[in-house]
Amino acid sequence: MTLQLSTGLVVGLVLGAVVGLIVGFLLGMVSSLKKRKLTGKKSQAQKLLNLAMKEENRTKQLKLLAQILDKYPHSEWADKALEQAMKSKKEG
């Protein structure tokens, strides 16, 4: 007994594999770009927070913390900035 595959089946399998690879590659690229963008924002917010923590002038420190809250409102850095601002207000 010999098994014969139709030409259409083989062509369909090859085309499906090629299209699947292309779609997977494109989705991977989009996901990678989103991660880089989020990482960039995170590092900028972290830099601002570190700068605010080093600032000795309370007014300037609060301005830097406010920038974090304005630019990155739904991030962990906004939460940390808010905590620091509250501590600073209690101390002053």
N, C-alpha and C. Protein backbone atom coordinates (compact mmCIF):
# COMPACT_ATOMS: atom_id res chain seq x y z
N MET A 1 0.82 -1.16 0.00
CA MET A 1 0.00 0.00 0.00
C MET A 1 0.88 1.25 0.00
N THR A 2 0.62 2.15 -0.85
CA THR A 2 1.36 3.40 -0.90
C THR A 2 0.41 4.53 -0.61
N LEU A 3 0.93 5.50 0.08
CA LEU A 3 0.12 6.67 0.44
C LEU A 3 0.52 7.81 -0.47
N GLN A 4 -0.45 8.38 -1.15
CA GLN A 4 -0.16 9.49 -2.04
C GLN A 4 -0.80 10.75 -1.48
N LEU A 5 0.01 11.79 -1.40
CA LEU A 5 -0.50 13.07 -0.93
C LEU A 5 -0.84 13.91 -2.15
N SER A 6 -1.95 14.57 -2.07
CA SER A 6 -2.32 15.41 -3.20
C SER A 6 -1.44 16.66 -3.22
N THR A 7 -1.26 17.20 -4.38
CA THR A 7 -0.44 18.39 -4.56
C THR A 7 -1.04 19.57 -3.81
N GLY A 8 -2.33 19.70 -3.83
CA GLY A 8 -3.01 20.79 -3.14
C GLY A 8 -2.77 20.76 -1.64
N LEU A 9 -2.75 19.57 -1.06
CA LEU A 9 -2.50 19.43 0.37
C LEU A 9 -1.09 19.88 0.72
N VAL A 10 -0.12 19.45 -0.06
CA VAL A 10 1.27 19.82 0.19
C VAL A 10 1.46 21.33 0.04
N VAL A 11 0.90 21.91 -1.02
CA VAL A 11 1.01 23.34 -1.24
C VAL A 11 0.33 24.10 -0.10
N GLY A 12 -0.82 23.65 0.34
CA GLY A 12 -1.54 24.28 1.45
C GLY A 12 -0.74 24.24 2.74
N LEU A 13 -0.11 23.11 3.03
CA LEU A 13 0.70 23.00 4.24
C LEU A 13 1.91 23.94 4.19
N VAL A 14 2.56 24.00 3.05
CA VAL A 14 3.73 24.87 2.90
C VAL A 14 3.31 26.34 3.03
N LEU A 15 2.24 26.72 2.34
CA LEU A 15 1.77 28.10 2.43
C LEU A 15 1.33 28.46 3.85
N GLY A 16 0.67 27.55 4.50
CA GLY A 16 0.25 27.78 5.89
C GLY A 16 1.43 27.99 6.81
N ALA A 17 2.48 27.19 6.62
CA ALA A 17 3.67 27.33 7.44
C ALA A 17 4.35 28.68 7.19
N VAL A 18 4.45 29.09 5.93
CA VAL A 18 5.09 30.36 5.60
C VAL A 18 4.29 31.53 6.18
N VAL A 19 2.98 31.52 5.99
CA VAL A 19 2.14 32.59 6.51
C VAL A 19 2.21 32.62 8.04
N GLY A 20 2.22 31.47 8.68
CA GLY A 20 2.32 31.39 10.14
C GLY A 20 3.63 31.98 10.65
N LEU A 21 4.72 31.68 9.95
CA LEU A 21 6.01 32.24 10.34
C LEU A 21 6.03 33.75 10.20
N ILE A 22 5.49 34.26 9.12
CA ILE A 22 5.46 35.70 8.89
C ILE A 22 4.61 36.40 9.95
N VAL A 23 3.44 35.88 10.23
CA VAL A 23 2.57 36.49 11.24
C VAL A 23 3.22 36.43 12.62
N GLY A 24 3.82 35.30 12.95
CA GLY A 24 4.51 35.18 14.25
C GLY A 24 5.66 36.15 14.37
N PHE A 25 6.42 36.32 13.32
CA PHE A 25 7.53 37.26 13.32
C PHE A 25 7.05 38.69 13.53
N LEU A 26 5.98 39.07 12.80
CA LEU A 26 5.45 40.43 12.94
C LEU A 26 4.89 40.69 14.33
N LEU A 27 4.19 39.73 14.89
CA LEU A 27 3.66 39.89 16.25
C LEU A 27 4.80 40.00 17.27
N GLY A 28 5.85 39.24 17.07
CA GLY A 28 7.01 39.32 17.95
C GLY A 28 7.67 40.68 17.89
N MET A 29 7.75 41.26 16.70
CA MET A 29 8.35 42.58 16.54
C MET A 29 7.52 43.65 17.25
N VAL A 30 6.20 43.60 17.10
CA VAL A 30 5.32 44.57 17.74
C VAL A 30 5.44 44.46 19.26
N SER A 31 5.45 43.24 19.77
CA SER A 31 5.57 43.03 21.21
C SER A 31 6.90 43.56 21.73
N SER A 32 7.95 43.34 20.99
CA SER A 32 9.28 43.81 21.38
C SER A 32 9.33 45.33 21.43
N LEU A 33 8.71 45.99 20.46
CA LEU A 33 8.70 47.45 20.45
C LEU A 33 7.93 48.01 21.64
N LYS A 34 6.82 47.37 22.00
CA LYS A 34 6.04 47.82 23.15
C LYS A 34 6.84 47.68 24.43
N LYS A 35 7.58 46.58 24.58
CA LYS A 35 8.38 46.37 25.78
C LYS A 35 9.46 47.43 25.89
N ARG A 36 10.11 47.74 24.77
CA ARG A 36 11.16 48.77 24.78
C ARG A 36 10.59 50.12 25.17
N LYS A 37 9.41 50.44 24.67
CA LYS A 37 8.80 51.72 24.98
C LYS A 37 8.47 51.81 26.47
N LEU A 38 7.92 50.72 27.03
CA LEU A 38 7.59 50.71 28.45
C LEU A 38 8.84 50.79 29.30
N THR A 39 9.89 50.10 28.89
CA THR A 39 11.13 50.13 29.64
C THR A 39 11.72 51.53 29.63
N GLY A 40 11.64 52.20 28.50
CA GLY A 40 12.14 53.57 28.40
C GLY A 40 11.40 54.52 29.32
N LYS A 41 10.09 54.38 29.36
CA LYS A 41 9.29 55.23 30.24
C LYS A 41 9.62 54.95 31.70
N LYS A 42 9.81 53.68 32.01
CA LYS A 42 10.10 53.30 33.38
C LYS A 42 11.44 53.91 33.81
N SER A 43 12.43 53.84 32.96
CA SER A 43 13.73 54.36 33.35
C SER A 43 13.69 55.89 33.49
N GLN A 44 12.91 56.57 32.66
CA GLN A 44 12.79 58.02 32.78
C GLN A 44 12.11 58.40 34.09
N ALA A 45 11.07 57.68 34.44
CA ALA A 45 10.36 57.95 35.70
C ALA A 45 11.27 57.65 36.88
N GLN A 46 12.03 56.59 36.77
CA GLN A 46 12.95 56.23 37.85
C GLN A 46 14.03 57.30 38.01
N LYS A 47 14.53 57.82 36.91
CA LYS A 47 15.54 58.89 36.98
C LYS A 47 14.98 60.13 37.66
N LEU A 48 13.74 60.48 37.30
CA LEU A 48 13.12 61.65 37.93
C LEU A 48 12.94 61.43 39.43
N LEU A 49 12.53 60.23 39.82
CA LEU A 49 12.33 59.94 41.23
C LEU A 49 13.66 59.99 41.98
N ASN A 50 14.70 59.43 41.38
CA ASN A 50 16.02 59.47 42.02
C ASN A 50 16.51 60.91 42.16
N LEU A 51 16.28 61.71 41.14
CA LEU A 51 16.67 63.11 41.19
C LEU A 51 15.90 63.85 42.30
N ALA A 52 14.62 63.55 42.42
CA ALA A 52 13.80 64.18 43.46
C ALA A 52 14.28 63.77 44.85
N MET A 53 14.67 62.51 45.00
CA MET A 53 15.12 62.02 46.31
C MET A 53 16.43 62.72 46.73
N LYS A 54 17.26 63.07 45.76
CA LYS A 54 18.54 63.72 46.07
C LYS A 54 18.39 65.23 46.30
N GLU A 55 17.27 65.77 45.84
CA GLU A 55 17.06 67.22 45.93
C GLU A 55 16.85 67.63 47.40
N GLU A 56 17.61 68.60 47.84
CA GLU A 56 17.51 69.07 49.23
C GLU A 56 16.45 70.16 49.38
N ASN A 57 16.22 70.93 48.35
CA ASN A 57 15.20 71.98 48.38
C ASN A 57 13.82 71.32 48.28
N ARG A 58 13.02 71.49 49.31
CA ARG A 58 11.72 70.80 49.36
C ARG A 58 10.79 71.22 48.23
N THR A 59 10.81 72.49 47.86
CA THR A 59 9.94 72.99 46.78
C THR A 59 10.32 72.35 45.45
N LYS A 60 11.61 72.30 45.18
CA LYS A 60 12.07 71.68 43.93
C LYS A 60 11.77 70.18 43.92
N GLN A 61 11.92 69.56 45.09
CA GLN A 61 11.63 68.13 45.20
C GLN A 61 10.16 67.86 44.89
N LEU A 62 9.28 68.67 45.44
CA LEU A 62 7.85 68.49 45.20
C LEU A 62 7.49 68.72 43.73
N LYS A 63 8.18 69.66 43.08
CA LYS A 63 7.95 69.90 41.65
C LYS A 63 8.35 68.68 40.82
N LEU A 64 9.48 68.07 41.16
CA LEU A 64 9.93 66.88 40.45
C LEU A 64 8.95 65.72 40.67
N LEU A 65 8.50 65.57 41.89
CA LEU A 65 7.53 64.51 42.19
C LEU A 65 6.21 64.75 41.44
N ALA A 66 5.83 66.01 41.32
CA ALA A 66 4.60 66.34 40.58
C ALA A 66 4.76 66.01 39.10
N GLN A 67 5.96 66.19 38.56
CA GLN A 67 6.20 65.83 37.16
C GLN A 67 5.99 64.34 36.95
N ILE A 68 6.45 63.54 37.89
CA ILE A 68 6.26 62.09 37.79
C ILE A 68 4.78 61.76 37.78
N LEU A 69 4.04 62.40 38.67
CA LEU A 69 2.60 62.14 38.75
C LEU A 69 1.88 62.57 37.47
N ASP A 70 2.34 63.66 36.86
CA ASP A 70 1.71 64.14 35.63
C ASP A 70 2.05 63.26 34.43
N LYS A 71 3.31 62.88 34.31
CA LYS A 71 3.75 62.14 33.12
C LYS A 71 3.47 60.65 33.19
N TYR A 72 3.50 60.07 34.37
CA TYR A 72 3.34 58.62 34.53
C TYR A 72 2.30 58.32 35.60
N PRO A 73 1.04 58.73 35.38
CA PRO A 73 0.04 58.65 36.46
C PRO A 73 -0.34 57.22 36.90
N HIS A 74 -0.25 56.26 36.01
CA HIS A 74 -0.69 54.91 36.36
C HIS A 74 0.50 53.95 36.44
N SER A 75 1.55 54.39 37.11
CA SER A 75 2.74 53.55 37.21
C SER A 75 3.13 53.38 38.67
N GLU A 76 4.01 52.43 38.90
CA GLU A 76 4.51 52.22 40.26
C GLU A 76 5.31 53.44 40.73
N TRP A 77 5.90 54.15 39.76
CA TRP A 77 6.71 55.33 40.11
C TRP A 77 5.83 56.46 40.59
N ALA A 78 4.63 56.55 40.07
CA ALA A 78 3.68 57.57 40.55
C ALA A 78 3.31 57.27 42.00
N ASP A 79 3.14 56.00 42.32
CA ASP A 79 2.82 55.63 43.70
C ASP A 79 3.97 56.00 44.64
N LYS A 80 5.19 55.70 44.19
CA LYS A 80 6.35 56.03 45.01
C LYS A 80 6.52 57.54 45.16
N ALA A 81 6.27 58.27 44.08
CA ALA A 81 6.38 59.73 44.13
C ALA A 81 5.35 60.30 45.09
N LEU A 82 4.14 59.76 45.06
CA LEU A 82 3.09 60.23 45.96
C LEU A 82 3.46 59.95 47.42
N GLU A 83 4.01 58.76 47.68
CA GLU A 83 4.44 58.43 49.04
C GLU A 83 5.52 59.42 49.52
N GLN A 84 6.48 59.68 48.64
CA GLN A 84 7.56 60.59 49.00
C GLN A 84 7.04 62.01 49.23
N ALA A 85 6.08 62.44 48.41
CA ALA A 85 5.51 63.77 48.58
C ALA A 85 4.78 63.87 49.92
N MET A 86 4.07 62.82 50.29
CA MET A 86 3.36 62.82 51.57
C MET A 86 4.36 62.88 52.74
N LYS A 87 5.45 62.11 52.64
CA LYS A 87 6.48 62.14 53.68
C LYS A 87 7.09 63.54 53.79
N SER A 88 7.35 64.12 52.64
CA SER A 88 7.96 65.44 52.62
C SER A 88 7.04 66.49 53.24
N LYS A 89 5.75 66.39 52.96
CA LYS A 89 4.77 67.34 53.53
C LYS A 89 4.69 67.18 55.06
N LYS A 90 4.75 65.93 55.55
CA LYS A 90 4.68 65.70 56.99
C LYS A 90 5.92 66.24 57.70
N GLU A 91 7.08 66.08 57.04
CA GLU A 91 8.33 66.55 57.64
C GLU A 91 8.42 68.07 57.67
N GLY A 92 7.82 68.70 56.64
CA GLY A 92 7.95 70.16 56.52
C GLY A 92 6.93 70.89 57.23
